[in-house]
N, C-alpha and C. Protein backbone atom coordinates (compact mmCIF):
# COMPACT_ATOMS: atom_id res chain seq x y z
N MET A 1 5.25 21.22 56.03
CA MET A 1 4.80 21.91 54.26
C MET A 1 5.79 22.10 53.96
N ILE A 2 6.90 22.03 52.92
CA ILE A 2 7.62 22.47 52.09
C ILE A 2 7.19 23.65 51.28
N ALA A 3 8.00 25.17 51.53
CA ALA A 3 7.36 26.22 50.80
C ALA A 3 8.29 25.90 50.09
N ARG A 4 7.51 26.48 48.71
CA ARG A 4 8.58 26.47 47.18
C ARG A 4 8.48 27.71 47.02
N ARG A 5 10.13 28.27 46.89
CA ARG A 5 10.41 29.55 45.88
C ARG A 5 9.86 30.05 44.34
N GLY A 6 9.38 30.74 44.07
CA GLY A 6 9.75 31.12 42.95
C GLY A 6 8.46 30.48 41.75
N GLY A 7 7.17 29.70 42.46
CA GLY A 7 6.12 28.63 41.66
C GLY A 7 6.97 27.94 40.60
N PHE A 8 6.13 27.65 40.04
CA PHE A 8 6.09 26.88 38.70
C PHE A 8 7.30 27.60 37.45
N LEU A 9 7.39 28.95 37.92
CA LEU A 9 8.20 29.87 36.30
C LEU A 9 9.32 30.04 37.08
N GLY A 10 9.63 29.73 37.63
CA GLY A 10 10.75 29.89 38.91
C GLY A 10 11.39 28.71 38.88
N SER A 11 10.92 27.45 39.09
CA SER A 11 11.56 25.78 38.48
C SER A 11 12.13 25.72 37.57
N SER A 12 11.01 26.03 36.50
CA SER A 12 11.67 25.84 35.24
C SER A 12 12.40 26.48 34.42
N LEU A 13 12.35 27.87 35.29
CA LEU A 13 13.91 29.15 34.26
C LEU A 13 15.13 28.06 35.52
N SER A 14 14.96 27.69 36.35
CA SER A 14 16.58 28.03 36.94
C SER A 14 16.80 26.19 36.09
N ARG A 15 15.85 25.83 35.85
CA ARG A 15 16.03 24.60 34.94
C ARG A 15 16.54 24.63 33.32
N TRP A 16 16.00 25.36 32.87
CA TRP A 16 16.63 26.14 31.67
C TRP A 16 17.28 26.28 31.95
N LEU A 17 18.32 26.94 33.15
CA LEU A 17 19.70 27.64 32.73
C LEU A 17 20.27 26.96 33.17
N THR A 18 19.92 25.30 34.12
CA THR A 18 20.89 24.71 34.54
C THR A 18 21.36 23.75 32.92
N LEU A 19 20.90 23.93 32.27
CA LEU A 19 21.23 22.36 30.99
C LEU A 19 21.76 23.39 30.09
N PRO A 20 22.58 24.84 30.12
CA PRO A 20 23.04 24.83 28.96
C PRO A 20 25.04 24.70 30.20
N ALA A 21 24.15 25.59 31.44
CA ALA A 21 25.91 25.26 31.81
C ALA A 21 26.95 23.75 32.42
N ALA A 22 25.56 22.99 32.54
CA ALA A 22 25.81 21.67 31.72
C ALA A 22 26.51 21.11 30.70
N LEU A 23 25.56 21.92 30.00
CA LEU A 23 26.48 21.28 28.18
C LEU A 23 28.50 22.19 28.26
N ALA A 24 28.13 23.28 28.99
CA ALA A 24 29.31 23.74 28.87
C ALA A 24 30.23 22.78 29.75
N LEU A 25 30.39 22.87 30.84
CA LEU A 25 31.24 21.73 31.35
C LEU A 25 31.79 20.60 30.67
N LEU A 26 30.14 20.09 29.99
CA LEU A 26 30.85 18.51 29.22
C LEU A 26 32.02 19.04 27.93
N ALA A 27 31.54 20.26 27.59
CA ALA A 27 32.33 20.64 26.29
C ALA A 27 33.27 21.07 26.34
N ILE A 28 33.70 21.47 27.97
CA ILE A 28 35.02 22.09 28.46
C ILE A 28 36.08 20.37 28.58
N GLY A 29 35.03 19.63 29.39
CA GLY A 29 35.71 18.25 29.95
C GLY A 29 36.25 17.90 28.54
N ALA A 30 35.65 17.27 27.64
CA ALA A 30 35.46 17.28 26.13
C ALA A 30 36.72 17.92 25.73
N SER A 31 37.79 18.70 25.50
CA SER A 31 38.52 19.87 25.03
C SER A 31 39.52 19.54 25.87
N LEU A 32 39.67 18.83 27.37
CA LEU A 32 40.98 18.46 28.28
C LEU A 32 40.38 17.45 28.03
N ALA A 33 40.19 16.65 27.80
CA ALA A 33 40.93 15.06 27.70
C ALA A 33 41.64 15.13 26.77
N PRO A 34 41.80 15.49 26.18
CA PRO A 34 42.74 14.54 24.29
C PRO A 34 43.61 15.35 25.50
N ALA A 35 43.82 16.67 25.74
CA ALA A 35 45.27 17.04 25.78
C ALA A 35 45.60 16.07 26.98
N GLN A 36 45.02 15.80 28.30
CA GLN A 36 45.09 15.04 29.00
C GLN A 36 46.60 13.73 28.67
N THR A 37 45.33 12.85 27.99
CA THR A 37 45.73 11.75 27.36
C THR A 37 46.92 11.98 26.59
N SER A 38 47.07 13.28 25.54
CA SER A 38 48.01 12.54 25.20
C SER A 38 49.59 13.58 25.65
N LEU A 39 49.62 13.49 27.30
CA LEU A 39 50.08 13.92 28.40
C LEU A 39 50.95 12.35 28.67
N THR A 40 49.94 11.93 28.86
CA THR A 40 50.27 10.43 29.38
C THR A 40 50.60 9.39 28.70
N GLN A 41 50.56 9.70 27.34
CA GLN A 41 51.30 8.52 26.75
C GLN A 41 52.47 8.19 26.65
N PRO A 42 53.21 7.64 26.14
CA PRO A 42 54.82 7.85 25.82
C PRO A 42 54.99 7.22 24.49
N SER A 43 55.71 8.17 24.20
CA SER A 43 55.79 8.79 22.34
C SER A 43 56.47 7.66 21.96
N LEU A 44 56.21 7.19 20.68
CA LEU A 44 57.34 6.45 20.01
C LEU A 44 57.62 5.16 20.86
N GLY A 45 56.79 4.09 21.03
CA GLY A 45 56.30 2.96 21.95
C GLY A 45 57.54 3.00 22.45
N LEU A 46 57.78 4.37 23.32
CA LEU A 46 59.15 3.97 24.43
C LEU A 46 58.71 4.50 25.99
N GLN A 47 58.86 3.09 27.22
CA GLN A 47 58.46 4.16 27.91
C GLN A 47 59.14 4.90 29.03
N GLU A 48 59.03 5.63 29.66
CA GLU A 48 59.86 6.52 30.98
C GLU A 48 59.76 5.91 31.89
N GLN A 49 61.18 5.13 32.65
CA GLN A 49 60.87 5.19 33.83
C GLN A 49 60.69 5.59 35.05
N PRO A 50 60.51 5.94 36.22
CA PRO A 50 60.25 6.33 37.41
C PRO A 50 61.17 6.61 37.64
N SER A 51 62.26 8.26 37.71
CA SER A 51 63.79 8.20 38.17
C SER A 51 63.32 7.93 39.67
N GLN A 52 64.96 7.52 40.14
CA GLN A 52 65.02 6.85 40.92
C GLN A 52 66.17 7.78 42.42
N GLN A 53 66.58 7.87 43.38
CA GLN A 53 67.14 9.01 43.61
C GLN A 53 68.19 7.77 44.48
N GLY A 54 69.43 8.34 43.79
CA GLY A 54 70.55 7.60 43.11
C GLY A 54 70.93 6.82 43.00
N ALA A 55 69.78 6.13 41.39
CA ALA A 55 70.18 5.39 40.34
C ALA A 55 70.45 6.33 39.46
N PRO A 56 71.81 5.74 38.25
CA PRO A 56 71.96 5.85 37.69
C PRO A 56 71.12 6.55 36.72
N PRO A 57 71.55 7.09 35.58
CA PRO A 57 70.72 7.57 34.36
C PRO A 57 70.90 6.48 33.74
N PRO A 58 69.42 5.93 32.43
CA PRO A 58 69.54 5.14 31.47
C PRO A 58 71.26 5.44 30.67
N SER A 59 71.97 4.46 30.58
CA SER A 59 72.78 4.56 29.39
C SER A 59 72.28 5.07 28.49
N GLN A 60 73.50 5.10 26.94
CA GLN A 60 72.66 5.41 25.39
C GLN A 60 73.90 4.38 25.03
N SER A 61 74.83 3.88 25.48
CA SER A 61 74.72 2.20 24.31
C SER A 61 73.87 1.84 24.48
N ALA A 62 72.81 1.18 24.45
CA ALA A 62 71.83 0.59 23.86
C ALA A 62 70.75 1.03 22.84
N PRO A 63 71.07 0.14 21.66
CA PRO A 63 70.10 0.69 20.81
C PRO A 63 68.24 0.96 20.85
N ALA A 64 68.21 2.36 20.61
CA ALA A 64 66.71 2.40 21.07
C ALA A 64 65.75 1.63 19.81
N THR A 65 64.64 0.58 20.84
CA THR A 65 64.13 -0.03 19.74
C THR A 65 63.27 0.42 19.03
N GLN A 66 63.20 0.04 18.20
CA GLN A 66 62.35 0.34 16.74
C GLN A 66 60.65 0.00 16.79
N PRO A 67 59.93 1.01 17.07
CA PRO A 67 58.63 0.28 16.97
C PRO A 67 57.85 -0.99 16.18
N SER A 68 57.01 -1.50 16.73
CA SER A 68 57.01 -2.73 15.97
C SER A 68 56.01 -1.98 14.46
N PRO A 69 55.69 -2.97 13.68
CA PRO A 69 54.97 -2.09 12.68
C PRO A 69 53.02 -2.26 13.01
N ALA A 70 52.47 -1.41 12.50
CA ALA A 70 51.02 -1.62 13.35
C ALA A 70 50.66 -3.34 12.81
N PRO A 71 49.95 -3.71 13.59
CA PRO A 71 49.43 -5.02 12.77
C PRO A 71 47.68 -4.45 12.36
N SER A 72 48.29 -5.54 10.75
CA SER A 72 47.09 -5.20 9.56
C SER A 72 45.09 -4.50 10.42
N GLU A 73 45.53 -6.23 11.14
CA GLU A 73 43.61 -6.49 11.38
C GLU A 73 44.04 -6.53 13.33
N SER A 74 42.91 -5.67 13.37
CA SER A 74 43.35 -6.08 14.96
C SER A 74 42.55 -7.09 15.51
N PRO A 75 42.74 -7.83 16.27
CA PRO A 75 42.45 -9.09 16.66
C PRO A 75 41.15 -9.29 17.72
N GLY A 76 40.37 -9.56 17.90
CA GLY A 76 39.04 -8.89 18.33
C GLY A 76 37.36 -9.98 17.97
N LEU A 77 36.94 -10.51 19.03
CA LEU A 77 36.00 -10.28 19.06
C LEU A 77 34.72 -10.18 17.57
N LEU A 78 34.85 -8.19 18.14
CA LEU A 78 34.39 -7.91 16.84
C LEU A 78 34.52 -7.94 15.20
N ASN A 79 36.22 -7.83 15.07
CA ASN A 79 37.03 -8.32 14.02
C ASN A 79 36.19 -9.81 13.26
N GLU A 80 36.62 -10.39 14.25
CA GLU A 80 35.70 -12.10 14.03
C GLU A 80 34.81 -12.21 13.31
N MET A 81 34.23 -11.42 14.34
CA MET A 81 32.49 -11.51 13.77
C MET A 81 32.17 -10.92 12.06
N GLY A 82 33.62 -9.17 12.01
CA GLY A 82 33.42 -8.70 10.34
C GLY A 82 33.33 -9.62 9.83
N LYS A 83 34.76 -10.70 10.28
CA LYS A 83 35.07 -11.82 8.87
C LYS A 83 33.84 -12.97 9.20
N MET A 84 33.07 -13.66 9.56
CA MET A 84 32.08 -14.33 9.67
C MET A 84 30.96 -13.60 8.72
N PHE A 85 30.59 -12.71 9.09
CA PHE A 85 29.98 -11.87 7.94
C PHE A 85 30.01 -12.09 6.90
N ASP A 86 31.36 -11.41 6.77
CA ASP A 86 31.82 -11.42 5.31
C ASP A 86 31.91 -12.76 3.84
N LYS A 87 32.21 -13.79 5.48
CA LYS A 87 32.01 -14.74 4.19
C LYS A 87 30.41 -15.61 4.21
N ILE A 88 29.74 -15.18 5.44
CA ILE A 88 28.58 -15.51 4.58
C ILE A 88 27.46 -15.23 3.86
N LEU A 89 27.50 -13.59 3.98
CA LEU A 89 25.73 -12.77 3.87
C LEU A 89 27.03 -12.18 2.32
N PRO A 90 25.91 -12.33 1.11
CA PRO A 90 26.70 -12.13 -0.80
C PRO A 90 27.15 -11.03 -0.48
N PRO A 91 28.09 -10.47 -0.95
CA PRO A 91 28.47 -8.95 -1.73
C PRO A 91 27.09 -8.10 -1.53
N LEU A 92 26.51 -6.75 -1.54
CA LEU A 92 25.33 -6.11 -1.73
C LEU A 92 25.91 -5.30 -3.24
N LYS A 93 25.38 -5.17 -3.81
CA LYS A 93 25.28 -4.41 -4.77
C LYS A 93 24.77 -2.54 -4.42
N SER A 94 25.71 -2.32 -5.29
CA SER A 94 25.20 -0.03 -5.30
C SER A 94 23.93 -0.51 -5.96
N PRO A 95 23.26 0.71 -5.27
CA PRO A 95 22.07 0.89 -5.73
C PRO A 95 21.42 1.22 -7.21
N GLY A 96 22.49 1.74 -7.90
CA GLY A 96 22.11 1.29 -9.22
C GLY A 96 22.10 -0.36 -10.32
N GLU A 97 23.10 -1.16 -9.59
CA GLU A 97 22.52 -2.15 -10.29
C GLU A 97 21.68 -2.87 -9.30
N ALA A 98 21.38 -2.79 -8.47
CA ALA A 98 20.11 -3.65 -7.88
C ALA A 98 18.85 -2.90 -8.73
N ILE A 99 19.29 -1.62 -9.03
CA ILE A 99 17.67 -1.12 -9.69
C ILE A 99 17.30 -1.86 -11.21
N ASP A 100 19.00 -2.29 -11.31
CA ASP A 100 19.15 -2.55 -12.80
C ASP A 100 19.07 -4.26 -13.10
N ASP A 101 18.46 -4.88 -11.90
CA ASP A 101 18.60 -6.09 -12.16
C ASP A 101 17.29 -6.25 -12.22
N LEU A 102 16.57 -5.61 -11.10
CA LEU A 102 15.25 -5.66 -10.59
C LEU A 102 14.39 -5.56 -11.99
N ASN A 103 14.09 -4.13 -13.16
CA ASN A 103 13.92 -4.09 -13.71
C ASN A 103 14.49 -5.35 -15.03
N THR A 104 15.08 -5.98 -15.05
CA THR A 104 15.51 -7.11 -15.62
C THR A 104 14.81 -7.65 -15.39
N ARG A 105 14.45 -8.33 -14.39
CA ARG A 105 13.25 -9.41 -13.92
C ARG A 105 12.46 -8.78 -13.98
N ALA A 106 11.69 -7.38 -14.09
CA ALA A 106 10.28 -7.44 -14.52
C ALA A 106 10.15 -6.95 -15.30
N LYS A 107 11.19 -7.10 -16.69
CA LYS A 107 10.42 -6.69 -18.13
C LYS A 107 10.17 -9.06 -18.54
N GLU A 108 11.58 -9.26 -17.82
CA GLU A 108 11.30 -10.95 -18.07
C GLU A 108 10.00 -11.58 -17.45
N THR A 109 9.72 -11.02 -16.67
CA THR A 109 7.71 -11.71 -15.92
C THR A 109 6.57 -10.88 -16.60
N ALA A 110 7.38 -9.42 -17.18
CA ALA A 110 6.09 -8.66 -17.94
C ALA A 110 5.73 -10.39 -19.55
N LYS A 111 7.28 -10.15 -20.20
CA LYS A 111 7.03 -10.71 -21.26
C LYS A 111 6.46 -12.54 -20.70
N GLY A 112 7.02 -13.08 -20.31
CA GLY A 112 6.08 -14.30 -20.13
C GLY A 112 4.55 -14.12 -19.83
N ALA A 113 4.29 -13.12 -19.10
CA ALA A 113 2.74 -12.76 -18.51
C ALA A 113 1.90 -12.41 -19.82
N GLY A 114 2.71 -12.00 -20.67
CA GLY A 114 2.21 -11.30 -22.22
C GLY A 114 2.01 -12.49 -22.70
N GLU A 115 2.90 -13.64 -23.02
CA GLU A 115 3.32 -14.95 -24.27
C GLU A 115 1.55 -15.58 -23.49
N ALA A 116 1.27 -15.91 -22.09
CA ALA A 116 0.33 -16.25 -21.85
C ALA A 116 -0.35 -15.99 -22.08
N LEU A 117 -1.08 -14.33 -21.26
CA LEU A 117 -2.54 -13.81 -21.99
C LEU A 117 -2.55 -13.53 -23.65
N SER A 118 -1.17 -14.21 -24.28
CA SER A 118 -1.45 -14.29 -26.30
C SER A 118 -2.21 -15.49 -26.52
N ARG A 119 -1.75 -16.10 -25.66
CA ARG A 119 -2.08 -17.76 -25.55
C ARG A 119 -3.82 -17.71 -25.90
N LEU A 120 -3.77 -17.43 -24.62
CA LEU A 120 -5.58 -17.08 -24.52
C LEU A 120 -6.70 -15.73 -24.27
N ALA A 121 -6.26 -15.12 -25.13
CA ALA A 121 -6.58 -13.81 -25.66
C ALA A 121 -7.56 -14.18 -27.02
N PRO A 122 -6.99 -14.47 -27.81
CA PRO A 122 -8.18 -15.02 -29.17
C PRO A 122 -9.10 -15.40 -28.73
N GLY A 123 -9.34 -16.36 -27.88
CA GLY A 123 -10.24 -17.30 -28.12
C GLY A 123 -11.53 -17.02 -26.77
N SER A 124 -12.30 -17.58 -26.80
CA SER A 124 -13.59 -17.58 -26.09
C SER A 124 -13.47 -19.00 -25.05
N ILE A 125 -15.17 -18.72 -24.21
CA ILE A 125 -15.39 -20.05 -23.72
C ILE A 125 -16.43 -20.06 -24.21
N VAL A 126 -17.23 -20.97 -24.26
CA VAL A 126 -18.13 -21.34 -25.00
C VAL A 126 -19.35 -22.36 -23.98
N LYS A 127 -20.72 -22.74 -24.02
CA LYS A 127 -21.04 -23.64 -22.92
C LYS A 127 -22.06 -24.24 -24.46
N GLY A 128 -22.04 -25.32 -23.53
CA GLY A 128 -22.33 -26.54 -24.74
C GLY A 128 -23.10 -27.79 -24.12
N ARG A 129 -23.08 -28.77 -25.14
CA ARG A 129 -22.74 -30.11 -23.88
C ARG A 129 -23.25 -30.74 -25.48
N THR A 130 -22.13 -31.60 -25.10
CA THR A 130 -21.27 -32.96 -26.76
C THR A 130 -20.87 -33.26 -26.29
N ILE A 131 -21.05 -34.96 -26.47
CA ILE A 131 -20.45 -36.14 -25.86
C ILE A 131 -18.93 -36.76 -26.27
N CYS A 132 -18.33 -36.72 -25.72
CA CYS A 132 -16.99 -37.07 -25.56
C CYS A 132 -16.53 -38.65 -26.65
N PRO A 133 -16.04 -39.02 -27.25
CA PRO A 133 -16.29 -39.94 -27.66
C PRO A 133 -15.36 -41.39 -27.24
N VAL A 134 -15.73 -42.22 -27.59
CA VAL A 134 -14.81 -43.60 -26.41
C VAL A 134 -13.79 -43.28 -27.83
N GLY A 135 -12.67 -43.49 -26.93
CA GLY A 135 -11.21 -43.70 -27.84
C GLY A 135 -10.57 -44.72 -27.77
N SER A 136 -9.73 -45.10 -28.21
CA SER A 136 -9.46 -46.79 -29.16
C SER A 136 -8.93 -47.26 -27.32
N ASN A 137 -8.42 -46.58 -26.71
CA ASN A 137 -8.24 -47.29 -25.08
C ASN A 137 -9.59 -47.47 -24.51
N GLY A 138 -10.04 -46.84 -24.57
CA GLY A 138 -11.78 -47.50 -24.52
C GLY A 138 -12.39 -46.65 -23.17
N THR A 139 -11.17 -45.11 -23.16
CA THR A 139 -11.37 -44.02 -22.26
C THR A 139 -11.48 -43.13 -23.01
N ALA A 140 -12.49 -41.86 -22.13
CA ALA A 140 -13.56 -40.81 -23.15
C ALA A 140 -12.14 -39.83 -23.50
N ASP A 141 -12.89 -39.26 -24.80
CA ASP A 141 -11.79 -38.82 -25.66
C ASP A 141 -12.46 -37.26 -26.07
N CYS A 142 -11.91 -36.39 -24.86
CA CYS A 142 -13.01 -35.19 -24.46
C CYS A 142 -11.89 -33.98 -25.26
N LYS A 143 -11.12 -33.97 -25.69
CA LYS A 143 -9.97 -32.70 -26.58
C LYS A 143 -11.25 -33.08 -27.83
N LEU A 144 -11.46 -34.42 -28.11
CA LEU A 144 -12.00 -34.41 -29.54
C LEU A 144 -13.79 -33.78 -29.30
N GLY A 145 -14.52 -33.85 -27.89
CA GLY A 145 -15.75 -33.50 -27.79
C GLY A 145 -15.41 -32.11 -27.79
N ALA A 146 -14.48 -31.65 -26.81
CA ALA A 146 -14.35 -29.87 -27.31
C ALA A 146 -14.05 -29.98 -27.86
N ASP A 147 -13.63 -30.06 -29.97
CA ASP A 147 -13.39 -29.39 -30.92
C ASP A 147 -14.57 -29.52 -31.13
N LYS A 148 -15.68 -30.18 -30.82
CA LYS A 148 -16.72 -30.04 -31.73
C LYS A 148 -17.68 -29.16 -31.46
N LEU A 149 -17.54 -29.07 -29.81
CA LEU A 149 -18.64 -28.60 -29.75
C LEU A 149 -18.07 -26.62 -30.16
N CYS A 150 -16.66 -26.56 -29.81
CA CYS A 150 -16.52 -25.40 -30.46
C CYS A 150 -16.56 -25.19 -31.98
N GLN A 151 -16.48 -26.54 -33.05
CA GLN A 151 -16.70 -26.14 -34.61
C GLN A 151 -18.73 -25.77 -34.87
N SER A 152 -19.22 -26.29 -34.09
CA SER A 152 -20.56 -25.59 -33.97
C SER A 152 -20.79 -24.28 -33.48
N LYS A 153 -20.11 -24.43 -32.72
CA LYS A 153 -20.71 -22.28 -32.26
C LYS A 153 -19.31 -21.21 -33.56
N GLY A 154 -18.32 -21.99 -34.76
CA GLY A 154 -18.10 -21.23 -35.73
C GLY A 154 -16.24 -21.72 -35.13
N TYR A 155 -15.85 -21.97 -34.60
CA TYR A 155 -14.74 -22.22 -34.35
C TYR A 155 -13.61 -23.08 -34.57
N LYS A 156 -12.69 -23.25 -34.48
CA LYS A 156 -11.98 -23.96 -35.27
C LYS A 156 -11.44 -25.56 -34.03
N ASP A 157 -10.66 -24.67 -33.28
CA ASP A 157 -10.73 -26.14 -32.07
C ASP A 157 -10.84 -25.69 -30.67
N GLY A 158 -10.41 -26.47 -29.33
CA GLY A 158 -10.80 -26.21 -28.74
C GLY A 158 -9.91 -27.20 -27.54
N ARG A 159 -10.41 -26.36 -26.09
CA ARG A 159 -10.04 -27.42 -25.26
C ARG A 159 -11.08 -27.78 -23.91
N SER A 160 -11.14 -28.57 -23.88
CA SER A 160 -12.55 -28.73 -22.43
C SER A 160 -12.05 -28.38 -20.86
N LEU A 161 -13.21 -27.32 -21.03
CA LEU A 161 -13.09 -26.26 -19.46
C LEU A 161 -13.75 -27.31 -18.00
N ASN A 162 -14.75 -27.45 -19.01
CA ASN A 162 -16.05 -28.45 -17.33
C ASN A 162 -16.61 -29.03 -18.34
N THR A 163 -16.68 -30.46 -17.39
CA THR A 163 -17.47 -31.99 -18.25
C THR A 163 -18.24 -32.61 -17.16
N ASP A 164 -19.34 -33.61 -17.78
CA ASP A 164 -20.10 -34.26 -16.99
C ASP A 164 -20.02 -35.04 -17.38
N SER A 165 -20.70 -36.29 -17.24
CA SER A 165 -20.72 -37.22 -16.90
C SER A 165 -22.35 -38.17 -16.32
N ARG A 166 -22.81 -38.84 -17.03
CA ARG A 166 -24.42 -39.94 -17.05
C ARG A 166 -24.58 -41.41 -17.38
N GLU A 167 -24.59 -41.65 -16.52
CA GLU A 167 -25.25 -43.06 -16.73
C GLU A 167 -26.21 -43.69 -17.64
N THR A 168 -25.78 -44.12 -19.17
CA THR A 168 -26.75 -44.76 -19.72
C THR A 168 -27.11 -45.99 -20.24
N CYS A 169 -28.35 -46.27 -19.94
CA CYS A 169 -28.63 -47.88 -19.64
C CYS A 169 -29.43 -48.22 -21.28
N SER A 170 -29.87 -49.42 -21.19
CA SER A 170 -30.43 -50.52 -22.30
C SER A 170 -32.00 -49.96 -21.70
N ALA A 171 -33.04 -50.98 -22.53
CA ALA A 171 -34.12 -50.96 -21.78
C ALA A 171 -33.89 -52.45 -21.49
N LYS A 172 -33.25 -52.55 -21.50
CA LYS A 172 -33.27 -54.26 -21.19
C LYS A 172 -33.51 -54.38 -19.65
N VAL A 173 -32.58 -53.58 -18.71
CA VAL A 173 -32.90 -53.62 -17.78
C VAL A 173 -34.17 -52.69 -17.05
N LEU A 174 -35.28 -52.63 -17.77
CA LEU A 174 -36.47 -51.91 -16.57
C LEU A 174 -37.16 -53.20 -16.70
N ILE A 175 -36.93 -54.27 -17.49
CA ILE A 175 -37.65 -55.44 -17.84
C ILE A 175 -37.95 -56.05 -16.33
N PRO A 176 -38.69 -56.22 -15.45
CA PRO A 176 -39.18 -56.70 -14.42
C PRO A 176 -38.52 -58.09 -14.75
N GLY A 177 -38.12 -58.20 -12.88
CA GLY A 177 -37.59 -59.41 -12.96
C GLY A 177 -35.73 -59.69 -13.50
N ARG A 178 -35.27 -59.20 -14.10
CA ARG A 178 -34.35 -59.99 -15.45
C ARG A 178 -33.44 -59.15 -14.23
N GLN A 179 -32.28 -60.14 -14.04
CA GLN A 179 -31.00 -59.35 -13.83
C GLN A 179 -30.16 -58.42 -14.95
N ARG A 180 -29.25 -57.72 -13.85
CA ARG A 180 -29.13 -56.86 -15.19
C ARG A 180 -27.59 -57.05 -14.84
N LYS A 181 -26.81 -56.83 -16.28
CA LYS A 181 -25.38 -57.26 -16.55
C LYS A 181 -24.12 -56.35 -16.99
N PRO A 182 -23.31 -55.90 -16.80
CA PRO A 182 -22.43 -55.52 -17.21
C PRO A 182 -22.24 -54.72 -17.63
N ASP A 183 -23.14 -55.18 -19.03
CA ASP A 183 -23.09 -54.24 -19.85
C ASP A 183 -23.85 -53.69 -20.60
N ASP A 184 -24.71 -53.71 -20.03
CA ASP A 184 -26.44 -53.61 -19.75
C ASP A 184 -26.54 -51.40 -19.69
N CYS A 185 -25.23 -51.13 -19.01
CA CYS A 185 -25.42 -49.56 -18.39
C CYS A 185 -23.62 -49.06 -19.07
N ARG A 186 -23.73 -48.18 -19.50
CA ARG A 186 -22.13 -47.63 -19.61
C ARG A 186 -22.36 -45.43 -19.32
N THR A 187 -21.13 -45.72 -19.03
CA THR A 187 -20.66 -44.32 -18.52
C THR A 187 -20.37 -43.13 -19.90
N ASP A 188 -21.54 -42.51 -19.97
CA ASP A 188 -20.91 -41.63 -21.09
C ASP A 188 -20.56 -40.07 -20.18
N ASN A 189 -19.23 -39.94 -20.71
CA ASN A 189 -18.82 -38.30 -20.66
C ASN A 189 -19.35 -36.99 -21.51
N TYR A 190 -19.40 -35.69 -20.64
CA TYR A 190 -20.39 -34.42 -21.93
C TYR A 190 -19.25 -33.47 -21.46
N VAL A 191 -19.22 -32.90 -22.66
CA VAL A 191 -18.07 -31.74 -22.90
C VAL A 191 -19.31 -30.53 -22.47
N THR A 192 -19.66 -29.22 -21.65
CA THR A 192 -20.12 -28.38 -20.93
C THR A 192 -19.34 -27.24 -21.19
N SER A 193 -18.43 -27.00 -21.22
CA SER A 193 -18.11 -25.89 -21.35
C SER A 193 -16.65 -26.15 -22.50
N ALA A 194 -16.43 -24.37 -23.21
CA ALA A 194 -14.61 -25.50 -23.85
C ALA A 194 -14.09 -23.89 -24.42
N LEU A 195 -12.85 -23.49 -24.07
CA LEU A 195 -12.52 -22.54 -24.19
C LEU A 195 -11.96 -22.91 -25.43
N CYS A 196 -12.12 -22.17 -27.23
CA CYS A 196 -12.10 -22.45 -28.45
C CYS A 196 -11.91 -21.56 -29.11
N GLN A 197 -10.95 -21.69 -29.66
CA GLN A 197 -9.62 -20.78 -30.56
C GLN A 197 -9.89 -20.54 -31.87
């Protein structure tokens, strides 16, 4: 069995003391790292030649090379990806421009919704049952039926909201043994509710 010294309090105390010590060592190492790198880097793009025994010193007649200008863009994967995103993505707006654009859209939407509601607001829904007269082309004209329903309730005109249909036959159909003919029955359409104005 392993014996522990200090119990719970002793182990946590030692942990708390080692944490600041480790942070201090990291800070010292970080402050020394730039100083060491600046000593090992050659200045002005010139590299020092390692000295050899018996080798003559470099001649002064050769002109010193000028450092090349720094490239405007650094080549690499991240730079190329940045160019790609600049081409693909639209430029971002400032927060003020984005809010102004949002406000403009909201005003236009509210204006359109207000106009749509104003067309519906004065009217009311009326229920009843009025036949749709047959139009010149042989189909039921429920617009006229809706107008008649609304006029019977005191409104000027209306639009049909709900319709119903029923087959109406002449009494000839009820004669026993008689063959039914195509013109014995007709389908009547009725307006049962309308939006009146």
